[in-house]
């Protein structure tokens, strides 16, 4: 049987991405165009600027993805695109583009959930992960815990009630005028710092739920900055950033361990943009090994928002479907996570 191919598009926030993925999950191309330079002067993503840039970038990004794959548009058997959650203007650019291509070539288009696709990215490199799986998703907009009793059976058991972990890192970087995006800047500056110098009390839910909250940690960080007169030129900056980064990692993993004790997974997964953080990756792996879990952390290139993970989720859904897929020409975007 000849292999099948699909073109996937991701535009949920400020990365424009297109990928060609084969039905065996071989990634033939995965182009990601960042908008960091556009949003850096504002210290965060400006939705209107993001959607305008997607309009400019999407055609050349798709074209480059096809060129690298060596396949033309007419060779695509399916189209796949992020449907939500995300910035509504950004989502609509990718969704409209994918629907237009699907309608022209009369091929089905699948709308995929961005957060679920992050989880699916772990299976690209580790298809042998045993179920049930406990997944920790950490990004600038999302911090959640999911349980998968089997593939495609996503059940959320914890989510952020205020700031996401990545958002808290970005806000502290902005408060100290360190640059954007904040997570990578903090990681670099914190490498030579002492993570024990500034103590942080970890946030805990009074209702003993598995939800996350990072607003209190962020407030504590700002208080420490003011009390110790820490600036971006202060000698104590690396120690402070290492301590704050370490507190975020500890808060994430403490909640994940509590979740694991409740759901008894056979494997654990770390994914999302913040999963590129070296301290978090190392601590997650150490926790998994100490507790005897099989585990997966996608390669850094698959942690960021990218179309390959959208394509992987699409193929998993296509293969699991017992009936022909609908055309999908009436898909609409949704800005918030599904329940």
Protein backbone atom coordinates (compact mmCIF):
# COMPACT_ATOMS: atom_id res chain seq x y z
CA UNK A 1 0.00 0.00 0.00
CA UNK A 2 1.31 3.42 -0.93
CA UNK A 3 2.00 5.76 2.00
CA UNK A 4 -0.45 8.54 2.68
CA UNK A 5 0.47 12.13 3.55
CA UNK A 6 -1.10 15.14 5.18
CA UNK A 7 -0.28 18.81 5.50
CA UNK A 8 -0.64 20.17 9.03
CA UNK A 9 -0.85 23.84 10.04
CA UNK A 10 -0.39 25.38 13.48
CA UNK A 11 -1.11 29.08 14.22
CA UNK A 12 -2.59 29.15 17.70
CA UNK A 13 -0.39 31.91 19.11
CA UNK A 14 2.75 33.53 17.69
CA UNK A 15 4.42 30.72 15.74
CA UNK A 16 3.44 30.01 12.16
CA UNK A 17 4.13 26.37 11.40
CA UNK A 18 3.48 23.85 8.64
CA UNK A 19 4.50 20.20 8.44
CA UNK A 20 4.12 17.29 6.06
CA UNK A 21 3.63 14.05 8.00
CA UNK A 22 3.41 10.54 6.57
CA UNK A 23 0.92 7.98 7.88
CA UNK A 24 3.68 6.13 9.77
CA UNK A 25 4.34 9.44 11.63
CA UNK A 26 7.53 10.12 9.72
CA UNK A 27 7.97 13.90 9.71
CA UNK A 28 9.00 14.92 6.20
CA UNK A 29 9.13 18.61 7.09
CA UNK A 30 8.31 20.79 10.08
CA UNK A 31 8.79 24.53 9.54
CA UNK A 32 8.30 26.89 12.49
CA UNK A 33 8.53 30.65 12.06
CA UNK A 34 8.74 32.56 15.34
CA UNK A 35 7.46 36.08 15.97
CA UNK A 36 9.66 36.75 19.02
CA UNK A 37 11.32 39.82 17.49
CA UNK A 38 7.94 41.39 16.72
CA UNK A 39 6.56 40.98 20.25
CA UNK A 40 9.79 41.50 22.23
CA UNK A 41 9.38 45.33 22.50
CA UNK A 42 6.03 44.76 24.25
CA UNK A 43 7.24 42.06 26.65
CA UNK A 44 4.54 39.67 25.49
CA UNK A 45 2.38 38.58 22.57
CA UNK A 46 0.17 41.30 21.07
CA UNK A 47 -2.80 39.41 19.55
CA UNK A 48 -3.47 41.84 16.70
CA UNK A 49 0.17 41.86 15.63
CA UNK A 50 0.30 38.06 15.85
CA UNK A 51 -2.67 37.54 13.53
CA UNK A 52 -1.35 40.08 11.02
CA UNK A 53 2.02 38.35 10.93
CA UNK A 54 0.35 34.96 10.41
CA UNK A 55 -1.38 36.41 7.34
CA UNK A 56 2.00 37.44 5.93
CA UNK A 57 3.81 34.23 6.84
CA UNK A 58 1.45 31.35 6.27
CA UNK A 59 1.82 31.02 2.48
CA UNK A 60 5.65 31.03 2.44
CA UNK A 61 5.81 28.71 5.47
CA UNK A 62 3.49 26.18 3.80
CA UNK A 63 5.43 26.51 0.55
CA UNK A 64 8.75 25.85 2.30
CA UNK A 65 7.32 22.87 4.14
CA UNK A 66 6.13 21.33 0.87
CA UNK A 67 9.48 22.04 -0.83
CA UNK A 68 11.44 20.31 1.92
CA UNK A 69 9.07 17.33 1.89
CA UNK A 70 9.47 16.96 -1.86
CA UNK A 71 5.71 16.63 -2.30
CA UNK A 72 3.17 18.91 -4.01
CA UNK A 73 -0.15 19.99 -2.48
CA UNK A 74 -2.09 17.61 -4.71
CA UNK A 75 -0.26 14.67 -3.10
CA UNK A 76 -1.87 15.41 0.29
CA UNK A 77 -4.57 12.94 1.32
CA UNK A 78 -5.70 15.07 4.27
CA UNK A 79 -5.26 18.52 5.75
CA UNK A 80 -5.01 19.15 9.51
CA UNK A 81 -5.06 22.39 11.47
CA UNK A 82 -5.18 23.69 15.03
CA UNK A 83 -8.78 24.54 15.89
CA UNK A 84 -8.13 25.73 19.46
CA UNK A 85 -7.41 26.78 22.11
CA UNK A 86 -5.43 29.92 21.35
CA UNK A 87 -5.71 33.50 20.15
CA UNK A 88 -8.87 33.65 18.07
CA UNK A 89 -7.40 35.88 15.34
CA UNK A 90 -4.32 33.68 14.97
CA UNK A 91 -6.38 30.50 14.93
CA UNK A 92 -8.67 31.82 12.20
CA UNK A 93 -5.75 32.52 9.87
CA UNK A 94 -4.54 28.92 9.94
CA UNK A 95 -8.03 27.45 9.98
CA UNK A 96 -9.21 29.50 7.01
CA UNK A 97 -6.07 28.65 5.03
CA UNK A 98 -6.40 24.91 5.69
CA UNK A 99 -10.12 24.88 4.90
CA UNK A 100 -9.47 26.71 1.64
CA UNK A 101 -6.90 24.14 0.55
CA UNK A 102 -9.14 21.25 1.57
CA UNK A 103 -12.10 22.68 -0.32
CA UNK A 104 -10.02 23.29 -3.46
CA UNK A 105 -8.59 19.76 -3.50
CA UNK A 106 -11.79 18.20 -2.10
CA UNK A 107 -9.92 16.41 0.69
CA UNK A 108 -10.99 16.17 4.36
CA UNK A 109 -9.66 18.73 6.84
CA UNK A 110 -9.35 17.86 10.54
CA UNK A 111 -9.55 20.44 13.33
CA UNK A 112 -7.28 19.47 16.23
CA UNK A 113 -6.92 20.54 19.85
CA UNK A 114 -3.61 22.29 20.51
CA UNK A 115 -3.17 20.93 24.05
CA UNK A 116 -3.99 17.35 23.03
CA UNK A 117 -1.46 17.69 20.21
CA UNK A 118 1.24 18.60 22.72
CA UNK A 119 0.52 15.32 24.51
CA UNK A 120 0.58 13.42 21.24
CA UNK A 121 4.04 14.85 20.48
CA UNK A 122 5.47 12.47 23.10
CA UNK A 123 4.25 9.44 21.14
CA UNK A 124 6.07 10.51 17.97
CA UNK A 125 9.38 9.44 19.49
CA UNK A 126 8.00 7.00 22.08
CA UNK A 127 5.12 5.06 20.45
CA UNK A 128 5.69 2.23 22.93
CA UNK A 129 4.63 4.18 26.04
CA UNK A 130 2.37 1.98 28.20
CA UNK A 131 -1.04 3.18 29.35
CA UNK A 132 -2.38 4.70 31.50
CA UNK A 133 -0.29 7.81 30.87
CA UNK A 134 -0.09 10.88 33.11
CA UNK A 135 0.81 13.95 31.06
CA UNK A 136 2.08 17.27 32.42
CA UNK A 137 1.63 20.08 29.88
CA UNK A 138 3.60 23.25 30.64
CA UNK A 139 3.61 26.29 28.36
CA UNK A 140 3.10 30.03 28.33
CA UNK A 141 -0.66 29.67 28.18
CA UNK A 142 -1.34 26.24 29.67
CA UNK A 143 -0.34 24.27 32.73
CA UNK A 144 -2.43 21.11 32.98
CA UNK A 145 -2.44 17.48 34.06
CA UNK A 146 -4.12 14.89 31.84
CA UNK A 147 -4.71 11.18 32.24
CA UNK A 148 -4.93 8.94 29.17
CA UNK A 149 -6.28 5.48 29.93
CA UNK A 150 -5.82 4.73 26.24
CA UNK A 151 -4.75 6.76 23.23
CA UNK A 152 -7.10 9.66 22.38
CA UNK A 153 -8.94 9.31 25.71
CA UNK A 154 -7.90 12.62 27.27
CA UNK A 155 -9.16 13.45 30.76
CA UNK A 156 -8.03 16.64 32.48
CA UNK A 157 -7.47 16.29 36.25
CA UNK A 158 -5.69 19.58 36.96
CA UNK A 159 -5.27 22.97 35.33
CA UNK A 160 -4.01 26.43 36.17
CA UNK A 161 -6.41 28.74 37.99
CA UNK A 162 -4.49 31.91 37.14
CA UNK A 163 -1.04 32.33 35.58
CA UNK A 164 0.44 29.40 33.67
CA UNK A 165 4.02 28.46 34.57
CA UNK A 166 5.47 29.92 31.39
CA UNK A 167 3.44 33.07 31.87
CA UNK A 168 4.86 33.52 35.37
CA UNK A 169 8.41 33.19 34.02
CA UNK A 170 7.68 35.73 31.28
CA UNK A 171 6.17 38.21 33.74
CA UNK A 172 9.15 38.09 36.10
CA UNK A 173 11.51 38.56 33.16
CA UNK A 174 9.44 41.53 32.04
CA UNK A 175 9.38 42.99 35.57
CA UNK A 176 13.20 42.86 35.61
CA UNK A 177 13.47 44.10 32.00
CA UNK A 178 15.39 40.98 30.95
CA UNK A 179 13.82 40.52 27.54
CA UNK A 180 11.25 38.32 25.83
CA UNK A 181 10.50 35.44 25.81
CA UNK A 182 11.29 35.24 29.50
CA UNK A 183 11.72 31.49 29.98
CA UNK A 184 14.86 31.05 27.84
CA UNK A 185 16.38 34.28 29.19
CA UNK A 186 15.84 33.17 32.79
CA UNK A 187 17.24 29.71 32.06
CA UNK A 188 20.45 31.15 30.63
CA UNK A 189 21.01 33.67 33.42
CA UNK A 190 20.11 31.14 36.13
CA UNK A 191 22.65 28.52 35.02
CA UNK A 192 25.37 29.83 37.36
CA UNK A 193 23.00 30.82 40.16
CA UNK A 194 22.35 29.20 43.54
CA UNK A 195 18.79 27.77 43.50
CA UNK A 196 18.72 27.61 47.32
CA UNK A 197 19.66 31.21 48.11
CA UNK A 198 16.15 32.69 48.03
CA UNK A 199 13.50 30.44 49.64
CA UNK A 200 10.02 30.23 48.13
CA UNK A 201 6.91 28.75 49.71
CA UNK A 202 5.23 26.55 47.13
CA UNK A 203 1.59 27.24 46.25
CA UNK A 204 -0.97 24.64 47.32
CA UNK A 205 -4.72 24.49 46.71
CA UNK A 206 -6.79 24.75 49.86
CA UNK A 207 -9.35 22.35 48.39
CA UNK A 208 -6.54 19.79 47.84
CA UNK A 209 -7.28 19.67 44.13
CA UNK A 210 -4.62 19.02 41.50
CA UNK A 211 -4.99 22.50 40.02
CA UNK A 212 -2.03 24.86 39.67
CA UNK A 213 -1.60 28.47 40.76
CA UNK A 214 1.46 30.55 40.00
CA UNK A 215 0.19 34.06 40.78
CA UNK A 216 1.24 33.73 44.43
CA UNK A 217 4.70 32.53 43.44
CA UNK A 218 5.00 35.47 41.06
CA UNK A 219 3.93 37.90 43.82
CA UNK A 220 6.51 36.40 46.20
CA UNK A 221 9.18 36.81 43.53
CA UNK A 222 8.35 40.49 43.06
CA UNK A 223 8.46 41.01 46.85
CA UNK A 224 11.93 39.40 47.03
CA UNK A 225 13.13 41.57 44.15
CA UNK A 226 11.99 44.73 45.93
CA UNK A 227 13.23 43.74 49.39
CA UNK A 228 16.68 42.81 48.07
CA UNK A 229 16.85 45.62 45.48
CA UNK A 230 17.55 43.13 42.70
CA UNK A 231 18.01 44.63 39.26
CA UNK A 232 19.10 43.15 35.94
CA UNK A 233 22.65 44.30 36.76
CA UNK A 234 22.72 43.03 40.35
CA UNK A 235 25.26 40.38 41.35
CA UNK A 236 22.47 38.47 43.09
CA UNK A 237 20.34 38.20 39.90
CA UNK A 238 21.54 34.69 38.87
CA UNK A 239 20.82 33.36 42.37
CA UNK A 240 17.36 34.91 42.40
CA UNK A 241 16.47 33.59 38.95
CA UNK A 242 17.80 30.12 39.78
CA UNK A 243 15.73 30.12 42.98
CA UNK A 244 12.58 31.25 41.18
CA UNK A 245 13.04 28.79 38.31
CA UNK A 246 13.64 26.01 40.84
CA UNK A 247 10.47 26.96 42.74
CA UNK A 248 8.41 26.75 39.53
CA UNK A 249 9.89 23.32 38.75
CA UNK A 250 9.25 22.07 42.28
CA UNK A 251 5.64 23.30 42.19
CA UNK A 252 5.03 21.53 38.88
CA UNK A 253 6.55 18.22 39.93
CA UNK A 254 5.05 18.21 43.41
CA UNK A 255 1.58 18.41 41.87
CA UNK A 256 2.45 15.76 39.30
CA UNK A 257 3.66 13.38 42.02
CA UNK A 258 0.40 13.88 43.93
CA UNK A 259 -1.50 13.12 40.74
CA UNK A 260 0.57 9.99 40.10
CA UNK A 261 -0.20 8.72 43.59
CA UNK A 262 -3.90 9.04 42.82
CA UNK A 263 -4.10 7.65 39.26
CA UNK A 264 -1.22 5.12 39.37
CA UNK A 265 0.04 5.59 35.79
CA UNK A 266 2.44 3.24 34.03
CA UNK A 267 4.22 6.13 32.32
CA UNK A 268 4.52 9.89 32.64
CA UNK A 269 4.99 12.55 29.97
CA UNK A 270 6.29 16.12 30.04
CA UNK A 271 5.36 18.34 27.08
CA UNK A 272 4.66 21.94 26.03
CA UNK A 273 6.94 24.89 25.36
CA UNK A 274 8.35 25.10 28.90
CA UNK A 275 9.35 21.43 28.62
CA UNK A 276 12.43 22.75 26.79
CA UNK A 277 13.69 24.11 30.12
CA UNK A 278 16.82 22.20 31.16
CA UNK A 279 16.15 22.31 34.90
CA UNK A 280 12.60 21.01 34.42
CA UNK A 281 13.67 18.25 32.02
CA UNK A 282 16.39 17.05 34.38
CA UNK A 283 14.16 17.13 37.47
CA UNK A 284 11.33 15.36 35.61
CA UNK A 285 13.64 12.58 34.43
CA UNK A 286 15.12 12.19 37.92
CA UNK A 287 11.63 11.91 39.41
CA UNK A 288 10.56 9.33 36.83
CA UNK A 289 13.64 7.16 37.38
CA UNK A 290 13.42 7.34 41.18
CA UNK A 291 9.75 6.33 41.13
CA UNK A 292 10.10 3.65 38.49
CA UNK A 293 7.97 5.24 35.76
CA UNK A 294 8.55 4.88 32.08
CA UNK A 295 8.67 8.43 30.76
CA UNK A 296 8.91 10.61 27.67
CA UNK A 297 9.97 14.19 27.01
CA UNK A 298 9.74 15.24 23.37
CA UNK A 299 12.81 16.66 21.67
CA UNK A 300 13.01 20.43 22.21
CA UNK A 301 11.96 21.07 18.58
CA UNK A 302 8.73 19.14 19.25
CA UNK A 303 8.02 20.93 22.56
CA UNK A 304 7.44 24.34 21.02
CA UNK A 305 4.22 25.05 19.10
CA UNK A 306 4.71 23.13 15.86
CA UNK A 307 2.65 21.58 13.10
CA UNK A 308 4.25 18.12 13.31
CA UNK A 309 2.41 17.44 16.57
CA UNK A 310 -0.85 18.50 14.88
CA UNK A 311 -0.13 16.07 12.07
CA UNK A 312 0.67 13.25 14.50
CA UNK A 313 -2.61 13.74 16.36
CA UNK A 314 -4.47 13.89 13.05
CA UNK A 315 -3.06 10.54 11.88
CA UNK A 316 -3.90 8.91 15.20
CA UNK A 317 -7.50 10.07 14.85
CA UNK A 318 -7.70 9.07 11.19
CA UNK A 319 -6.45 5.55 11.92
CA UNK A 320 -8.80 5.10 14.88
CA UNK A 321 -11.89 6.25 12.96
CA UNK A 322 -14.24 3.45 11.93
CA UNK A 323 -16.14 5.56 9.40
CA UNK A 324 -15.22 8.07 6.68
CA UNK A 325 -14.22 11.47 7.99
CA UNK A 326 -16.52 14.43 7.31
CA UNK A 327 -15.16 17.12 4.94
CA UNK A 328 -14.67 19.56 7.82
CA UNK A 329 -15.40 22.63 5.71
CA UNK A 330 -17.62 24.04 8.49
CA UNK A 331 -14.95 23.95 11.24
CA UNK A 332 -14.73 26.99 13.51
CA UNK A 333 -12.07 28.07 16.00
CA UNK A 334 -12.44 27.99 19.77
CA UNK A 335 -10.24 30.24 21.94
CA UNK A 336 -10.42 28.33 25.25
CA UNK A 337 -9.65 24.78 26.28
CA UNK A 338 -12.34 22.16 25.92
CA UNK A 339 -13.65 20.65 29.14
